[in-house]
Amino acid sequence: MLDPFDVLKALHALAAVDEVRAVDIEKFARILGAPLEEVKEVLGTLSKMEYVSFSGEKVYLTEIGVLKISSLFC
């Protein structure tokens, strides 16, 4: 199972921090080297926590997600 915080870190590394810079979920799964369904499941959980948001088939960090990932580096 993917670590949700690793997923947040990967989105941050890809600069997917707003709707304009959102990344395609299928491409994101390939970048992570993880099965698409597993990535979708983790993203669904992160969405419920309000850390990520979706724009069609793309995903990006919300402001809360950016703050959360930033707090991991403090």
N, C-alpha and C. Protein backbone atom coordinates (compact mmCIF):
# COMPACT_ATOMS: atom_id res chain seq x y z
N MET A 1 0.85 -1.19 0.00
CA MET A 1 0.00 0.00 0.00
C MET A 1 0.89 1.25 0.00
N LEU A 2 0.48 2.20 -0.79
CA LEU A 2 1.20 3.47 -0.85
C LEU A 2 1.04 4.26 0.44
N ASP A 3 2.10 4.90 0.86
CA ASP A 3 2.03 5.80 2.00
C ASP A 3 1.43 7.12 1.51
N PRO A 4 0.32 7.55 2.10
CA PRO A 4 -0.32 8.79 1.65
C PRO A 4 0.62 9.99 1.67
N PHE A 5 1.53 10.03 2.62
CA PHE A 5 2.43 11.18 2.69
C PHE A 5 3.47 11.13 1.57
N ASP A 6 3.82 9.93 1.11
CA ASP A 6 4.69 9.83 -0.06
C ASP A 6 3.97 10.36 -1.30
N VAL A 7 2.67 10.13 -1.38
CA VAL A 7 1.88 10.65 -2.50
C VAL A 7 1.84 12.17 -2.43
N LEU A 8 1.64 12.73 -1.24
CA LEU A 8 1.65 14.18 -1.08
C LEU A 8 3.01 14.76 -1.49
N LYS A 9 4.08 14.10 -1.05
CA LYS A 9 5.43 14.57 -1.39
C LYS A 9 5.65 14.54 -2.90
N ALA A 10 5.16 13.50 -3.55
CA ALA A 10 5.33 13.39 -5.01
C ALA A 10 4.56 14.50 -5.73
N LEU A 11 3.35 14.78 -5.29
CA LEU A 11 2.59 15.88 -5.90
C LEU A 11 3.31 17.20 -5.70
N HIS A 12 3.87 17.39 -4.53
CA HIS A 12 4.62 18.61 -4.25
C HIS A 12 5.86 18.69 -5.14
N ALA A 13 6.56 17.59 -5.29
CA ALA A 13 7.76 17.57 -6.13
C ALA A 13 7.43 17.88 -7.59
N LEU A 14 6.23 17.50 -8.01
CA LEU A 14 5.79 17.78 -9.37
C LEU A 14 5.17 19.17 -9.51
N ALA A 15 5.15 19.93 -8.42
CA ALA A 15 4.58 21.28 -8.38
C ALA A 15 3.10 21.29 -8.73
N ALA A 16 2.40 20.22 -8.41
CA ALA A 16 0.95 20.14 -8.64
C ALA A 16 0.24 20.82 -7.47
N VAL A 17 0.33 22.15 -7.44
CA VAL A 17 -0.16 22.90 -6.29
C VAL A 17 -1.39 23.75 -6.59
N ASP A 18 -1.92 23.62 -7.79
CA ASP A 18 -3.17 24.31 -8.12
C ASP A 18 -3.77 23.66 -9.36
N GLU A 19 -4.97 24.08 -9.71
CA GLU A 19 -5.69 23.46 -10.81
C GLU A 19 -4.94 23.57 -12.14
N VAL A 20 -4.24 24.66 -12.34
CA VAL A 20 -3.48 24.87 -13.59
C VAL A 20 -2.34 23.87 -13.71
N ARG A 21 -1.73 23.53 -12.59
CA ARG A 21 -0.56 22.62 -12.59
C ARG A 21 -0.92 21.19 -12.19
N ALA A 22 -2.19 20.88 -12.18
CA ALA A 22 -2.65 19.53 -11.81
C ALA A 22 -2.02 18.50 -12.74
N VAL A 23 -1.80 17.29 -12.21
CA VAL A 23 -1.19 16.21 -12.99
C VAL A 23 -2.24 15.14 -13.30
N ASP A 24 -2.10 14.56 -14.47
CA ASP A 24 -2.99 13.48 -14.89
C ASP A 24 -2.79 12.28 -13.95
N ILE A 25 -3.89 11.72 -13.48
CA ILE A 25 -3.81 10.64 -12.48
C ILE A 25 -3.13 9.40 -13.06
N GLU A 26 -3.41 9.05 -14.31
CA GLU A 26 -2.77 7.87 -14.91
C GLU A 26 -1.26 8.08 -15.03
N LYS A 27 -0.84 9.26 -15.47
CA LYS A 27 0.59 9.55 -15.58
C LYS A 27 1.23 9.56 -14.19
N PHE A 28 0.51 10.10 -13.21
CA PHE A 28 1.00 10.14 -11.84
C PHE A 28 1.24 8.72 -11.32
N ALA A 29 0.31 7.82 -11.59
CA ALA A 29 0.47 6.42 -11.16
C ALA A 29 1.72 5.81 -11.79
N ARG A 30 1.96 6.11 -13.06
CA ARG A 30 3.16 5.58 -13.73
C ARG A 30 4.42 6.16 -13.08
N ILE A 31 4.39 7.45 -12.77
CA ILE A 31 5.55 8.08 -12.12
C ILE A 31 5.83 7.40 -10.78
N LEU A 32 4.76 7.12 -10.03
CA LEU A 32 4.92 6.46 -8.73
C LEU A 32 5.29 4.98 -8.87
N GLY A 33 5.02 4.42 -10.04
CA GLY A 33 5.26 2.99 -10.23
C GLY A 33 4.28 2.15 -9.45
N ALA A 34 3.06 2.65 -9.33
CA ALA A 34 2.03 1.97 -8.54
C ALA A 34 0.80 1.71 -9.40
N PRO A 35 0.02 0.70 -9.04
CA PRO A 35 -1.21 0.42 -9.79
C PRO A 35 -2.18 1.60 -9.72
N LEU A 36 -2.83 1.88 -10.83
CA LEU A 36 -3.75 3.01 -10.92
C LEU A 36 -4.82 2.96 -9.84
N GLU A 37 -5.42 1.81 -9.62
CA GLU A 37 -6.50 1.70 -8.63
C GLU A 37 -6.01 2.01 -7.22
N GLU A 38 -4.79 1.60 -6.92
CA GLU A 38 -4.22 1.89 -5.59
C GLU A 38 -3.98 3.39 -5.44
N VAL A 39 -3.49 4.02 -6.49
CA VAL A 39 -3.25 5.47 -6.46
C VAL A 39 -4.58 6.21 -6.28
N LYS A 40 -5.60 5.77 -7.02
CA LYS A 40 -6.92 6.40 -6.91
C LYS A 40 -7.48 6.25 -5.49
N GLU A 41 -7.26 5.09 -4.89
CA GLU A 41 -7.76 4.84 -3.53
C GLU A 41 -7.10 5.80 -2.54
N VAL A 42 -5.77 5.93 -2.64
CA VAL A 42 -5.05 6.83 -1.74
C VAL A 42 -5.47 8.29 -1.99
N LEU A 43 -5.61 8.66 -3.25
CA LEU A 43 -6.03 10.03 -3.56
C LEU A 43 -7.44 10.30 -3.03
N GLY A 44 -8.30 9.29 -3.08
CA GLY A 44 -9.65 9.44 -2.51
C GLY A 44 -9.59 9.72 -1.02
N THR A 45 -8.73 9.00 -0.32
CA THR A 45 -8.55 9.22 1.11
C THR A 45 -8.01 10.63 1.38
N LEU A 46 -7.01 11.03 0.59
CA LEU A 46 -6.42 12.37 0.76
C LEU A 46 -7.43 13.46 0.43
N SER A 47 -8.33 13.18 -0.49
CA SER A 47 -9.38 14.13 -0.84
C SER A 47 -10.35 14.32 0.33
N LYS A 48 -10.70 13.22 0.98
CA LYS A 48 -11.58 13.29 2.15
C LYS A 48 -10.94 14.10 3.27
N MET A 49 -9.61 14.07 3.33
CA MET A 49 -8.86 14.84 4.33
C MET A 49 -8.64 16.29 3.87
N GLU A 50 -9.11 16.59 2.65
CA GLU A 50 -8.99 17.91 2.03
C GLU A 50 -7.55 18.30 1.70
N TYR A 51 -6.69 17.31 1.47
CA TYR A 51 -5.30 17.56 1.10
C TYR A 51 -5.12 17.66 -0.42
N VAL A 52 -5.99 17.00 -1.17
CA VAL A 52 -5.94 17.07 -2.63
C VAL A 52 -7.32 17.36 -3.19
N SER A 53 -7.32 17.84 -4.43
CA SER A 53 -8.57 18.10 -5.13
C SER A 53 -8.40 17.60 -6.56
N PHE A 54 -9.53 17.41 -7.22
CA PHE A 54 -9.52 16.88 -8.57
C PHE A 54 -10.08 17.91 -9.55
N SER A 55 -9.54 17.85 -10.75
CA SER A 55 -10.04 18.64 -11.87
C SER A 55 -10.15 17.66 -13.03
N GLY A 56 -11.32 17.08 -13.20
CA GLY A 56 -11.49 16.02 -14.19
C GLY A 56 -10.65 14.83 -13.79
N GLU A 57 -9.76 14.41 -14.67
CA GLU A 57 -8.87 13.26 -14.41
C GLU A 57 -7.50 13.71 -13.92
N LYS A 58 -7.44 14.91 -13.37
CA LYS A 58 -6.18 15.44 -12.85
C LYS A 58 -6.32 15.68 -11.36
N VAL A 59 -5.18 15.74 -10.66
CA VAL A 59 -5.15 15.93 -9.22
C VAL A 59 -4.11 16.97 -8.86
N TYR A 60 -4.39 17.69 -7.78
CA TYR A 60 -3.44 18.69 -7.30
C TYR A 60 -3.61 18.88 -5.79
N LEU A 61 -2.57 19.43 -5.17
CA LEU A 61 -2.62 19.72 -3.74
C LEU A 61 -3.52 20.93 -3.47
N THR A 62 -4.28 20.86 -2.41
CA THR A 62 -5.05 22.02 -1.97
C THR A 62 -4.13 22.88 -1.09
N GLU A 63 -4.61 24.02 -0.66
CA GLU A 63 -3.82 24.85 0.25
C GLU A 63 -3.52 24.09 1.53
N ILE A 64 -4.51 23.34 2.01
CA ILE A 64 -4.31 22.54 3.22
C ILE A 64 -3.24 21.46 2.97
N GLY A 65 -3.27 20.87 1.78
CA GLY A 65 -2.27 19.86 1.42
C GLY A 65 -0.87 20.43 1.37
N VAL A 66 -0.76 21.64 0.81
CA VAL A 66 0.55 22.31 0.75
C VAL A 66 1.05 22.58 2.17
N LEU A 67 0.16 23.05 3.03
CA LEU A 67 0.56 23.30 4.42
C LEU A 67 0.98 22.01 5.11
N LYS A 68 0.26 20.93 4.86
CA LYS A 68 0.59 19.64 5.48
C LYS A 68 1.96 19.16 5.02
N ILE A 69 2.20 19.21 3.72
CA ILE A 69 3.50 18.75 3.22
C ILE A 69 4.61 19.64 3.71
N SER A 70 4.37 20.92 3.83
CA SER A 70 5.38 21.84 4.35
C SER A 70 5.71 21.53 5.80
N SER A 71 4.69 21.13 6.57
CA SER A 71 4.91 20.82 7.98
C SER A 71 5.77 19.57 8.17
N LEU A 72 5.79 18.69 7.17
CA LEU A 72 6.61 17.49 7.27
C LEU A 72 8.09 17.80 7.19
N PHE A 73 8.44 18.96 6.64
CA PHE A 73 9.83 19.32 6.47
C PHE A 73 10.35 20.20 7.59
N CYS A 74 9.49 20.55 8.54
CA CYS A 74 9.90 21.42 9.66
C CYS A 74 10.46 20.62 10.80
